[in-house]
Amino acid sequence: MRIFSLFSKGRLLAAALAATLLAGCGGHLNSFTWEVDTVPSNLDPQTVSASSDVIAVTHLFSGLYRLDQEGVPQPDCAESCQISEDGLTYTFTLREGLGYNGYRGAEDDTPLTARDFVFGLQRVFLPETNSPWARQLGNIRNGARIAEGQADISQLGVQAPDDRTLVIQLEQPDENFLEKLCLPGAMPCNEEYFNATKGTYGLESDTILGNGPFYLYNWTSEGLFVRRKADGSSINSLRLVLRSDGLVSDSSSSDSAASSSAAKTAQEKIQDGQVSAALSETPSDGSLSEIPYTATTWVLLYNCGEEGLSSTAVRQGLSASALRTQLELPESLSPAQGLIPPQVSAEGQNYRDLAGTVLFESEDPLSLYKSGLAQAGLERLSNISVLVPQGQLAGLFSSINQQWQMELSAFFTVREMPLEEIWQAVEEGDYQIALVPLTPTEDDPLNLLQQLAEEEWSGWEDPAFEAACRQEAENFTLEGSAQRAARLENQLIVDCPVTPLFYQTDYLLVDSQVSGLVFQPFGPVIDVSSANQ
């Protein structure tokens, strides 16, 4: 899990929010606005997966630990932790007086005990929960066996000897285990309350029982808004609003949204007070704080169902030739070392450092290309179009196209179009070759490999590869996970349904008056619990 923090001094005075400064919190409203592609729809920590849902849960719940601005897990609900000498048993003592938050800050007398953490972790491994967090937390003793239906939930290595003591036993030592306890799946869940919701837990405003630093203030079709008691310069209002070019109020009325205007850049939205932070493909002009991250790989994606491109040797020839092209990359792009981008970690380290370079390279792409054509009974590839995004990337691809012409005598039509239209064509299978970006949704080297194995983008099928990905997804063994992922990555690269070309560096731009924001690129996820403005 790669975490970034942002430090700056001062306070943010957003004129657009002036009307709400004294609303609801009984004090100054230091508000932080973040745009989301979809309004949160699920606030059940054990089942959330969408970025906006995870952000909401991160603020509505507190786990045993929470990541600080440096990405280091710090005690949250835990007062202390003792780890056995063999690294397999963690004994936590909870802080006194823990409880839950009611809707809009109403008092709630439900106590929080160690049993709530037991039940929350049990839900992660119950097959009927279908929790996306089972893999990350799967090192808990018997977790994998329970998830596979081979053991009873009572055998999970999590016990609560008393209300303030929680004991977790692992299958093998894991130096990153405290970090994993910051994940949504490790949040507490009150069993009695959960059962009383009768299948609606976390799906409605009155079926959530959170214990986090913030409470649920409002939840509409336009956004989700959480607040907490005013405390100096700390951010006490987080507004997750549906992506638009207008302002959205966190009042209960949906009529308060400002009319949309012309599309704005991320920097313009922040400068206009529309949002407090935004993702951008370009760095700031110096007026904003920024956090760079490299989590996207641009690839040539081949439609393996097309005549000629169904030949592995043809794809290998095209791939090797493309990688021999001398490209003059802009500052935001860097040569790929493999499919999986450098932001991804494994076994607590940078995955690319562990795996090294994984690319298909050949000193004789022409021989491969010709042998593939011969096997397919073809003299050349005909009626091949390459879909390329409009703009700077089209210019870069022209160099690859020239390389193909000179080295392989391969002459293809290049069609420039908006990226959205390219993806639509890819998803419909209406393409031959496309230049597209791939981004993991999780900090896991297996994520992109699974995407290519499970999606039907390329028409590429390899039952053995798909089975190996499934087996690895169900394998909770930490040791050697990077090496196993590297073998799978190499297997995919050799078959060449894609050619990784270059990595893209993006930026989180943040109002320069905000400090203490924690950012996780995958999702992405933000946490303003320790932020000030």
Protein backbone atom coordinates (compact mmCIF):
# COMPACT_ATOMS: atom_id res chain seq x y z
CA MET A 1 0.00 0.00 0.00
CA ARG A 2 1.59 3.25 -1.14
CA ILE A 3 0.65 6.30 0.94
CA PHE A 4 1.42 9.94 0.33
CA SER A 5 1.08 12.92 2.63
CA LEU A 6 0.96 16.62 2.08
CA PHE A 7 2.30 19.29 4.42
CA SER A 8 1.68 23.02 4.16
CA LYS A 9 0.78 25.90 6.47
CA GLY A 10 -2.15 28.26 6.70
CA ARG A 11 -5.90 28.22 6.39
CA LEU A 12 -8.28 27.99 3.46
CA LEU A 13 -10.98 30.70 3.13
CA ALA A 14 -13.23 29.49 0.33
CA ALA A 15 -15.69 32.21 -0.61
CA ALA A 16 -17.97 29.72 -2.32
CA LEU A 17 -18.62 28.01 1.02
CA ALA A 18 -19.17 31.17 3.06
CA ALA A 19 -22.88 30.51 3.41
CA THR A 20 -22.24 27.23 5.20
CA LEU A 21 -19.45 28.25 7.56
CA LEU A 22 -21.64 28.27 10.64
CA ALA A 23 -24.02 25.51 9.67
CA GLY A 24 -24.62 22.40 11.70
CA CYS A 25 -21.38 21.94 13.59
CA GLY A 26 -21.88 24.60 16.20
CA GLY A 27 -18.70 26.32 15.06
CA HIS A 28 -16.52 27.23 12.09
CA LEU A 29 -16.98 24.78 9.22
CA ASN A 30 -13.60 23.91 7.72
CA SER A 31 -14.83 22.07 4.67
CA PHE A 32 -12.94 19.87 2.21
CA THR A 33 -14.60 19.06 -1.13
CA TRP A 34 -13.67 16.06 -3.27
CA GLU A 35 -15.34 15.08 -6.53
CA VAL A 36 -16.30 11.46 -7.17
CA ASP A 37 -17.44 9.66 -10.31
CA THR A 38 -20.26 7.96 -8.41
CA VAL A 39 -21.98 8.92 -5.18
CA PRO A 40 -21.26 6.39 -2.41
CA SER A 41 -23.87 3.64 -2.44
CA ASN A 42 -22.53 1.24 0.19
CA LEU A 43 -21.17 2.07 3.66
CA ASP A 44 -20.59 -1.50 4.84
CA PRO A 45 -16.81 -1.63 5.52
CA GLN A 46 -16.57 -5.37 4.99
CA THR A 47 -18.01 -5.18 1.45
CA VAL A 48 -17.03 -1.75 0.04
CA SER A 49 -14.80 -1.66 -3.01
CA ALA A 50 -15.66 1.45 -5.06
CA SER A 51 -13.36 4.41 -4.44
CA SER A 52 -16.08 6.76 -3.19
CA ASP A 53 -17.46 4.08 -0.85
CA VAL A 54 -14.01 3.41 0.61
CA ILE A 55 -13.38 7.13 1.18
CA ALA A 56 -16.68 7.48 3.04
CA VAL A 57 -16.03 4.42 5.20
CA THR A 58 -12.48 5.62 5.96
CA HIS A 59 -13.98 8.65 7.71
CA LEU A 60 -17.04 7.00 9.24
CA PHE A 61 -15.11 4.15 10.88
CA SER A 62 -12.00 3.74 12.99
CA GLY A 63 -10.01 0.54 13.10
CA LEU A 64 -7.38 -0.64 15.52
CA TYR A 65 -4.88 1.48 13.56
CA ARG A 66 -4.99 4.38 11.10
CA LEU A 67 -2.30 5.43 8.63
CA ASP A 68 -0.63 8.73 9.43
CA GLN A 69 0.72 11.32 7.01
CA GLU A 70 3.84 9.22 6.44
CA GLY A 71 1.86 6.07 5.71
CA VAL A 72 2.84 4.57 9.08
CA PRO A 73 0.07 2.80 11.05
CA GLN A 74 -0.67 4.57 14.34
CA PRO A 75 -2.95 3.34 17.17
CA ASP A 76 -6.56 4.40 16.66
CA CYS A 77 -8.99 2.26 18.66
CA ALA A 78 -6.02 0.30 20.01
CA GLU A 79 -4.33 1.62 23.12
CA SER A 80 -1.46 -0.83 22.87
CA CYS A 81 -0.28 -3.91 21.00
CA GLN A 82 1.95 -6.79 22.04
CA ILE A 83 3.45 -9.07 19.40
CA SER A 84 4.72 -12.54 20.26
CA GLU A 85 8.37 -13.41 19.61
CA ASP A 86 7.45 -15.65 16.68
CA GLY A 87 5.43 -12.79 15.11
CA LEU A 88 2.26 -14.87 14.93
CA THR A 89 0.16 -13.53 17.81
CA TYR A 90 -0.99 -9.92 18.21
CA THR A 91 -2.67 -8.92 21.46
CA PHE A 92 -4.43 -5.55 21.40
CA THR A 93 -5.80 -3.55 24.31
CA LEU A 94 -8.58 -1.21 23.26
CA ARG A 95 -8.91 2.34 24.53
CA GLU A 96 -11.50 2.91 27.23
CA GLY A 97 -14.86 4.44 26.48
CA LEU A 98 -15.10 3.54 22.80
CA GLY A 99 -18.52 3.90 21.22
CA TYR A 100 -20.44 4.64 18.05
CA ASN A 101 -21.75 7.75 16.32
CA GLY A 102 -25.38 8.36 15.57
CA TYR A 103 -26.78 9.90 12.39
CA ARG A 104 -25.99 13.63 12.23
CA GLY A 105 -24.06 13.38 15.47
CA ALA A 106 -26.94 12.15 17.61
CA GLU A 107 -25.86 10.44 20.82
CA ASP A 108 -25.66 6.66 20.64
CA ASP A 109 -25.21 4.56 23.77
CA THR A 110 -24.00 1.41 21.97
CA PRO A 111 -20.62 0.50 23.49
CA LEU A 112 -17.82 -0.70 21.23
CA THR A 113 -16.06 -3.84 22.45
CA ALA A 114 -13.39 -6.21 21.19
CA ARG A 115 -16.18 -8.55 20.13
CA ASP A 116 -17.15 -6.03 17.43
CA PHE A 117 -13.72 -6.40 15.85
CA VAL A 118 -14.06 -10.18 16.01
CA PHE A 119 -17.42 -10.08 14.23
CA GLY A 120 -16.16 -7.61 11.62
CA LEU A 121 -13.20 -9.86 10.72
CA GLN A 122 -15.41 -12.95 10.75
CA ARG A 123 -17.65 -11.33 8.15
CA VAL A 124 -14.64 -10.81 5.86
CA PHE A 125 -14.13 -14.56 5.54
CA LEU A 126 -17.72 -15.78 5.48
CA PRO A 127 -18.32 -16.94 1.88
CA GLU A 128 -21.73 -15.24 1.79
CA THR A 129 -20.13 -11.85 2.49
CA ASN A 130 -17.99 -12.04 -0.65
CA SER A 131 -15.66 -9.48 0.88
CA PRO A 132 -13.02 -7.88 -1.36
CA TRP A 133 -10.70 -7.69 1.68
CA ALA A 134 -10.31 -11.45 2.21
CA ARG A 135 -7.08 -11.63 0.18
CA GLN A 136 -5.34 -8.77 2.01
CA LEU A 137 -6.38 -10.09 5.43
CA GLY A 138 -6.05 -13.74 4.48
CA ASN A 139 -2.97 -14.33 6.61
CA ILE A 140 -5.20 -14.51 9.70
CA ARG A 141 -5.22 -18.11 10.89
CA ASN A 142 -7.73 -20.30 9.06
CA GLY A 143 -9.06 -17.32 7.10
CA ALA A 144 -8.38 -18.93 3.72
CA ARG A 145 -9.92 -22.25 4.75
CA ILE A 146 -13.05 -20.51 6.02
CA ALA A 147 -13.37 -18.45 2.82
CA GLU A 148 -13.16 -21.68 0.82
CA GLY A 149 -15.81 -23.35 2.99
CA GLN A 150 -13.32 -25.82 4.50
CA ALA A 151 -13.53 -24.61 8.12
CA ASP A 152 -16.11 -23.14 10.48
CA ILE A 153 -16.02 -19.42 11.29
CA SER A 154 -15.41 -20.26 14.95
CA GLN A 155 -11.93 -21.45 13.92
CA LEU A 156 -10.83 -18.00 12.71
CA GLY A 157 -7.73 -16.86 14.60
CA VAL A 158 -9.47 -13.88 16.23
CA GLN A 159 -10.72 -13.92 19.84
CA ALA A 160 -11.96 -11.42 22.41
CA PRO A 161 -11.07 -12.66 25.95
CA ASP A 162 -12.79 -9.58 27.36
CA ASP A 163 -14.33 -6.30 26.21
CA ARG A 164 -11.00 -4.52 25.83
CA THR A 165 -8.74 -7.35 24.68
CA LEU A 166 -8.45 -8.63 21.13
CA VAL A 167 -6.13 -11.47 20.09
CA ILE A 168 -5.31 -12.14 16.42
CA GLN A 169 -3.24 -15.13 15.31
CA LEU A 170 -1.53 -15.31 11.92
CA GLU A 171 -0.52 -18.16 9.66
CA GLN A 172 2.95 -16.66 9.16
CA PRO A 173 4.77 -13.51 10.31
CA ASP A 174 3.80 -10.35 8.43
CA GLU A 175 5.68 -7.13 9.10
CA ASN A 176 2.91 -5.19 7.32
CA PHE A 177 0.03 -6.62 9.34
CA LEU A 178 -0.67 -3.45 11.33
CA GLU A 179 -0.92 -1.59 8.04
CA LYS A 180 -3.52 -4.09 6.85
CA LEU A 181 -5.57 -3.47 9.97
CA CYS A 182 -6.18 0.02 8.58
CA LEU A 183 -8.19 -1.49 5.70
CA PRO A 184 -12.02 -1.18 5.70
CA GLY A 185 -12.42 -4.92 6.15
CA ALA A 186 -10.78 -4.70 9.59
CA MET A 187 -13.32 -2.16 10.91
CA PRO A 188 -15.62 -3.14 13.81
CA CYS A 189 -19.18 -4.32 13.28
CA ASN A 190 -21.73 -4.70 16.08
CA GLU A 191 -23.36 -8.10 15.54
CA GLU A 192 -26.67 -7.26 17.21
CA TYR A 193 -27.06 -4.06 15.19
CA PHE A 194 -26.00 -5.81 11.97
CA ASN A 195 -28.61 -8.53 12.42
CA ALA A 196 -31.29 -5.96 13.23
CA THR A 197 -30.79 -4.25 9.85
CA LYS A 198 -31.97 -7.43 8.10
CA GLY A 199 -29.71 -7.20 5.06
CA THR A 200 -29.67 -3.40 4.72
CA TYR A 201 -26.53 -2.71 6.79
CA GLY A 202 -24.69 0.30 5.40
CA LEU A 203 -27.16 0.83 2.56
CA GLU A 204 -29.29 3.54 4.18
CA SER A 205 -28.67 6.52 6.44
CA ASP A 206 -30.32 4.80 9.40
CA THR A 207 -28.63 1.41 8.95
CA ILE A 208 -25.05 2.45 9.58
CA LEU A 209 -23.36 2.43 12.97
CA GLY A 210 -19.99 4.10 12.57
CA ASN A 211 -17.29 4.74 15.15
CA GLY A 212 -14.99 6.97 13.12
CA PRO A 213 -13.76 10.53 13.53
CA PHE A 214 -16.69 11.76 11.41
CA TYR A 215 -20.43 11.07 11.49
CA LEU A 216 -22.83 10.86 8.57
CA TYR A 217 -24.43 14.27 8.05
CA ASN A 218 -26.27 13.90 4.77
CA TRP A 219 -26.55 11.41 1.91
CA THR A 220 -28.29 12.44 -1.31
CA SER A 221 -28.17 11.65 -5.01
CA GLU A 222 -25.68 14.53 -5.38
CA GLY A 223 -23.20 13.48 -2.74
CA LEU A 224 -22.36 12.24 0.72
CA PHE A 225 -21.35 14.62 3.52
CA VAL A 226 -19.69 13.80 6.83
CA ARG A 227 -18.86 16.11 9.73
CA ARG A 228 -17.33 16.22 13.18
CA LYS A 229 -17.08 18.68 16.04
CA ALA A 230 -15.15 21.84 15.20
CA ASP A 231 -11.61 21.79 16.57
CA GLY A 232 -9.38 24.71 15.65
CA SER A 233 -8.11 24.54 12.10
CA SER A 234 -8.88 20.82 11.65
CA ILE A 235 -11.06 19.93 8.69
CA ASN A 236 -14.43 19.06 10.16
CA SER A 237 -16.55 18.66 7.03
CA LEU A 238 -15.85 16.36 4.08
CA ARG A 239 -18.05 16.73 1.02
CA LEU A 240 -18.01 13.91 -1.55
CA VAL A 241 -19.85 15.43 -4.50
CA LEU A 242 -20.73 14.06 -7.89
CA ARG A 243 -18.25 15.15 -10.52
CA SER A 244 -19.47 18.26 -12.35
CA ASP A 245 -18.42 21.78 -13.22
CA GLY A 246 -20.68 23.43 -10.68
CA LEU A 247 -20.78 23.78 -6.91
CA VAL A 248 -22.85 21.42 -4.80
CA SER A 249 -24.06 22.28 -1.31
CA ASP A 250 -24.18 19.73 1.50
CA SER A 251 -27.62 20.97 2.56
CA SER A 252 -30.53 18.56 2.40
CA SER A 253 -31.97 20.23 -0.69
CA SER A 254 -30.89 19.04 -4.12
CA ASP A 255 -31.91 22.41 -5.60
CA SER A 256 -28.81 24.09 -4.28
CA ALA A 257 -26.44 22.79 -6.96
CA ALA A 258 -25.03 25.62 -9.00
CA SER A 259 -25.60 25.57 -12.71
CA SER A 260 -22.81 23.90 -14.66
CA SER A 261 -20.31 25.95 -16.57
CA ALA A 262 -17.67 25.20 -19.15
CA ALA A 263 -15.33 22.35 -18.30
CA LYS A 264 -12.47 23.39 -16.06
CA THR A 265 -9.03 21.97 -15.42
CA ALA A 266 -8.21 20.46 -12.03
CA GLN A 267 -6.18 23.55 -11.17
CA GLU A 268 -9.01 25.91 -12.15
CA LYS A 269 -11.51 23.98 -10.03
CA ILE A 270 -9.27 24.32 -6.99
CA GLN A 271 -8.50 27.97 -7.60
CA ASP A 272 -12.21 28.71 -8.05
CA GLY A 273 -13.02 27.04 -4.72
CA GLN A 274 -15.11 24.35 -6.39
CA VAL A 275 -12.98 21.56 -4.94
CA SER A 276 -10.14 21.33 -2.41
CA ALA A 277 -8.09 18.80 -4.34
CA ALA A 278 -8.23 17.05 -7.71
CA LEU A 279 -6.34 14.60 -9.90
CA SER A 280 -4.47 16.00 -12.86
CA GLU A 281 -2.34 14.71 -15.73
CA THR A 282 -0.20 17.85 -15.50
CA PRO A 283 1.64 19.40 -12.54
CA SER A 284 0.65 22.62 -10.84
CA ASP A 285 1.84 25.98 -12.12
CA GLY A 286 3.36 26.50 -8.69
CA SER A 287 0.32 27.98 -6.97
CA LEU A 288 -0.86 24.63 -5.59
CA SER A 289 0.71 21.77 -3.69
CA GLU A 290 1.10 18.55 -5.62
CA ILE A 291 1.79 14.86 -5.11
CA PRO A 292 3.14 12.93 -8.13
CA TYR A 293 2.38 9.22 -8.56
CA THR A 294 3.01 6.70 -11.35
CA ALA A 295 0.20 4.15 -11.50
CA THR A 296 -0.75 3.95 -15.20
CA THR A 297 0.79 1.88 -17.99
CA TRP A 298 0.10 2.76 -21.62
CA VAL A 299 -0.06 -0.38 -23.73
CA LEU A 300 -0.72 -1.52 -27.27
CA LEU A 301 -3.72 -3.82 -26.93
CA TYR A 302 -4.20 -6.40 -29.68
CA ASN A 303 -7.53 -7.91 -30.68
CA CYS A 304 -6.47 -11.55 -30.71
CA GLY A 305 -9.68 -12.54 -32.45
CA GLU A 306 -8.63 -10.74 -35.64
CA GLU A 307 -7.07 -12.64 -38.52
CA GLY A 308 -3.30 -12.50 -38.25
CA LEU A 309 -3.33 -10.95 -34.80
CA SER A 310 -4.49 -14.31 -33.45
CA SER A 311 -0.91 -15.49 -34.09
CA THR A 312 1.32 -15.17 -31.04
CA ALA A 313 4.41 -14.82 -33.26
CA VAL A 314 2.84 -11.91 -35.16
CA ARG A 315 2.07 -10.12 -31.91
CA GLN A 316 5.57 -10.88 -30.64
CA GLY A 317 7.10 -9.38 -33.78
CA LEU A 318 4.98 -6.24 -33.45
CA SER A 319 5.76 -5.99 -29.75
CA ALA A 320 9.52 -6.43 -30.10
CA SER A 321 9.65 -3.95 -32.96
CA ALA A 322 7.63 -1.35 -31.05
CA LEU A 323 9.96 -1.63 -28.07
CA ARG A 324 12.99 -1.02 -30.32
CA THR A 325 11.56 2.37 -31.33
CA GLN A 326 13.50 5.39 -30.10
CA LEU A 327 10.83 7.55 -28.49
CA GLU A 328 11.33 11.08 -27.23
CA LEU A 329 9.05 10.92 -24.21
CA PRO A 330 7.77 14.03 -22.42
CA GLU A 331 8.50 14.49 -18.72
CA SER A 332 5.18 12.90 -17.69
CA LEU A 333 6.03 9.60 -19.43
CA SER A 334 8.81 7.09 -18.80
CA PRO A 335 9.76 3.80 -20.55
CA ALA A 336 7.85 0.80 -19.22
CA GLN A 337 9.74 -1.99 -17.48
CA GLY A 338 6.72 -4.27 -17.54
CA LEU A 339 2.95 -4.23 -17.46
CA ILE A 340 2.65 -3.46 -13.74
CA PRO A 341 3.46 0.21 -12.96
CA PRO A 342 6.10 1.23 -10.38
CA GLN A 343 3.53 2.47 -7.87
CA VAL A 344 2.55 -1.12 -7.03
CA SER A 345 4.10 -2.81 -4.02
CA ALA A 346 4.49 -6.43 -2.95
CA GLU A 347 5.74 -7.96 0.28
CA GLY A 348 6.16 -4.42 1.65
CA GLN A 349 8.54 -3.39 -1.16
CA ASN A 350 8.35 -1.87 -4.62
CA TYR A 351 7.14 -4.64 -6.94
CA ARG A 352 9.15 -3.46 -9.95
CA ASP A 353 12.33 -3.45 -7.88
CA LEU A 354 11.62 -7.06 -6.90
CA ALA A 355 10.47 -8.27 -10.33
CA GLY A 356 12.87 -6.29 -12.52
CA THR A 357 12.17 -5.72 -16.20
CA VAL A 358 9.54 -7.99 -17.76
CA LEU A 359 9.19 -7.15 -21.47
CA PHE A 360 9.14 -9.22 -24.66
CA GLU A 361 12.30 -8.33 -26.55
CA SER A 362 13.87 -9.86 -29.64
CA GLU A 363 16.87 -9.04 -31.82
CA ASP A 364 14.97 -10.25 -34.88
CA PRO A 365 11.33 -9.07 -34.79
CA LEU A 366 11.03 -9.53 -38.57
CA SER A 367 11.64 -13.29 -38.41
CA LEU A 368 9.01 -13.65 -35.70
CA TYR A 369 6.53 -11.54 -37.64
CA LYS A 370 7.05 -13.45 -40.88
CA SER A 371 6.85 -16.86 -39.21
CA GLY A 372 3.57 -15.82 -37.60
CA LEU A 373 2.14 -14.70 -40.92
CA ALA A 374 3.22 -17.98 -42.53
CA GLN A 375 1.58 -20.01 -39.77
CA ALA A 376 -1.61 -18.03 -40.33
CA GLY A 377 -1.39 -18.59 -44.09
CA LEU A 378 -0.96 -14.88 -44.79
CA GLU A 379 1.52 -12.84 -46.78
CA ARG A 380 0.74 -9.65 -44.88
CA LEU A 381 -1.75 -8.13 -42.48
CA SER A 382 -4.60 -6.35 -44.25
CA ASN A 383 -7.24 -3.87 -43.09
CA ILE A 384 -5.54 -3.22 -39.76
CA SER A 385 -6.38 0.03 -37.99
CA VAL A 386 -4.66 1.33 -34.88
CA LEU A 387 -6.82 3.46 -32.58
CA VAL A 388 -4.76 6.21 -30.96
CA PRO A 389 -5.88 8.99 -28.55
CA GLN A 390 -5.90 12.45 -30.02
CA GLY A 391 -3.10 14.80 -29.03
CA GLN A 392 0.44 14.22 -27.86
CA LEU A 393 0.22 10.42 -27.86
CA ALA A 394 -0.72 10.35 -31.52
CA GLY A 395 2.59 12.03 -32.30
CA LEU A 396 4.47 9.49 -30.20
CA PHE A 397 2.76 6.57 -31.89
CA SER A 398 3.75 7.87 -35.33
CA SER A 399 7.33 6.87 -34.46
CA ILE A 400 6.22 3.31 -33.65
CA ASN A 401 4.20 3.18 -36.85
CA GLN A 402 7.24 4.24 -38.86
CA GLN A 403 9.31 1.57 -37.08
CA TRP A 404 6.76 -1.08 -38.09
CA GLN A 405 6.84 0.14 -41.68
CA MET A 406 10.63 0.13 -41.93
CA GLU A 407 11.37 -3.03 -39.95
CA LEU A 408 8.36 -5.24 -40.72
CA SER A 409 6.92 -3.71 -43.89
CA ALA A 410 3.69 -3.49 -41.90
CA PHE A 411 1.44 -0.68 -43.11
CA PHE A 412 -1.53 0.08 -40.88
CA THR A 413 -4.17 2.81 -40.82
CA VAL A 414 -3.97 5.14 -37.82
CA ARG A 415 -7.25 6.53 -36.48
CA GLU A 416 -7.07 9.32 -33.93
CA MET A 417 -10.11 9.66 -31.66
CA PRO A 418 -11.08 10.58 -28.08
CA LEU A 419 -9.96 8.03 -25.51
CA GLU A 420 -13.57 7.43 -24.42
CA GLU A 421 -14.46 6.32 -27.95
CA ILE A 422 -11.42 4.06 -28.11
CA TRP A 423 -12.46 2.31 -24.91
CA GLN A 424 -15.98 1.91 -26.24
CA ALA A 425 -14.61 0.24 -29.37
CA VAL A 426 -12.34 -2.00 -27.28
CA GLU A 427 -15.15 -3.08 -24.98
CA GLU A 428 -17.31 -3.89 -28.01
CA GLY A 429 -14.44 -5.78 -29.67
CA ASP A 430 -14.65 -3.42 -32.66
CA TYR A 431 -10.92 -2.77 -33.16
CA GLN A 432 -7.66 -4.38 -34.26
CA ILE A 433 -4.95 -2.56 -32.25
CA ALA A 434 -5.49 0.20 -29.70
CA LEU A 435 -3.23 2.41 -27.58
CA VAL A 436 -4.87 2.53 -24.14
CA PRO A 437 -3.96 3.20 -20.49
CA LEU A 438 -4.27 0.47 -17.85
CA THR A 439 -4.38 1.35 -14.15
CA PRO A 440 -4.62 -1.09 -11.21
CA THR A 441 -7.54 -0.55 -8.87
CA GLU A 442 -5.61 -2.06 -5.94
CA ASP A 443 -2.04 -1.99 -4.67
CA ASP A 444 -1.55 -5.59 -5.76
CA PRO A 445 0.58 -6.84 -8.69
CA LEU A 446 -2.08 -9.44 -9.43
CA ASN A 447 -4.72 -6.78 -10.14
CA LEU A 448 -3.77 -5.86 -13.72
CA LEU A 449 -3.03 -9.47 -14.58
CA GLN A 450 -6.51 -10.44 -13.44
CA GLN A 451 -8.04 -7.61 -15.45
CA LEU A 452 -6.46 -8.92 -18.64
CA ALA A 453 -7.35 -12.52 -17.80
CA GLU A 454 -10.99 -11.82 -16.93
CA GLU A 455 -11.97 -8.97 -19.25
CA GLU A 456 -12.75 -9.66 -22.89
CA TRP A 457 -10.86 -6.62 -24.21
CA SER A 458 -8.33 -8.50 -26.31
CA GLY A 459 -10.07 -11.75 -27.12
CA TRP A 460 -6.99 -13.43 -25.69
CA GLU A 461 -7.71 -16.70 -23.91
CA ASP A 462 -5.33 -18.85 -21.93
CA PRO A 463 -7.16 -21.20 -19.54
CA ALA A 464 -3.89 -22.11 -17.78
CA PHE A 465 -3.07 -18.45 -17.16
CA GLU A 466 -6.59 -17.72 -15.92
CA ALA A 467 -6.43 -20.74 -13.60
CA ALA A 468 -3.04 -19.61 -12.27
CA CYS A 469 -4.42 -16.12 -11.56
CA ARG A 470 -7.39 -17.59 -9.72
CA GLN A 471 -5.12 -19.86 -7.72
CA GLU A 472 -2.86 -16.96 -6.78
CA ALA A 473 -5.88 -14.82 -5.82
CA GLU A 474 -6.92 -17.58 -3.43
CA ASN A 475 -3.37 -18.06 -2.17
CA PHE A 476 -2.87 -16.09 1.03
CA THR A 477 0.80 -17.02 1.36
CA LEU A 478 2.89 -13.85 1.64
CA GLU A 479 6.33 -15.31 1.10
CA GLY A 480 7.24 -15.41 -2.57
CA SER A 481 4.09 -13.56 -3.71
CA ALA A 482 6.14 -11.06 -5.75
CA GLN A 483 8.06 -13.86 -7.48
CA ARG A 484 4.84 -15.69 -8.29
CA ALA A 485 3.29 -12.51 -9.71
CA ALA A 486 6.43 -11.90 -11.78
CA ARG A 487 6.13 -15.38 -13.31
CA LEU A 488 2.53 -14.65 -14.28
CA GLU A 489 3.48 -11.24 -15.66
CA ASN A 490 6.23 -12.82 -17.75
CA GLN A 491 3.84 -15.49 -19.05
CA LEU A 492 1.41 -12.82 -20.20
CA ILE A 493 4.13 -10.64 -21.74
CA VAL A 494 5.52 -13.58 -23.75
CA ASP A 495 2.06 -14.28 -25.20
CA CYS A 496 1.80 -10.56 -26.09
CA PRO A 497 -1.91 -9.72 -25.88
CA VAL A 498 -0.46 -6.32 -24.87
CA THR A 499 2.79 -4.43 -25.34
CA PRO A 500 3.66 -2.17 -22.38
CA LEU A 501 5.16 1.02 -23.80
CA PHE A 502 5.46 3.68 -21.12
CA TYR A 503 4.33 4.71 -17.65
CA GLN A 504 2.40 7.91 -17.00
CA THR A 505 2.99 10.12 -13.97
CA ASP A 506 -0.11 11.90 -12.68
CA TYR A 507 -0.59 14.42 -9.89
CA LEU A 508 -2.83 15.07 -6.96
CA LEU A 509 -3.21 18.86 -6.85
CA VAL A 510 -4.22 20.30 -3.48
CA ASP A 511 -5.02 23.79 -2.30
CA SER A 512 -1.76 25.06 -0.86
CA GLN A 513 -3.48 26.01 2.40
CA VAL A 514 -4.33 22.37 3.22
CA SER A 515 -1.94 20.27 5.30
CA GLY A 516 -1.94 16.70 6.59
CA LEU A 517 -3.94 15.11 3.76
CA VAL A 518 -3.26 11.37 3.33
CA PHE A 519 -3.51 10.07 -0.24
CA GLN A 520 -3.57 6.54 -1.64
CA PRO A 521 -3.31 6.50 -5.45
CA PHE A 522 -5.17 3.22 -5.91
CA GLY A 523 -8.84 3.96 -5.80
CA PRO A 524 -7.92 6.75 -5.28
CA VAL A 525 -8.58 7.23 -1.56
CA ILE A 526 -8.10 10.34 0.55
CA ASP A 527 -8.21 10.72 4.34
CA VAL A 528 -8.67 14.17 5.89
CA SER A 529 -8.87 12.91 9.48
CA SER A 530 -5.59 14.63 10.36
CA ALA A 531 -5.82 17.46 7.84
CA ASN A 532 -5.95 21.17 8.61
CA GLN A 533 -6.65 24.30 6.63
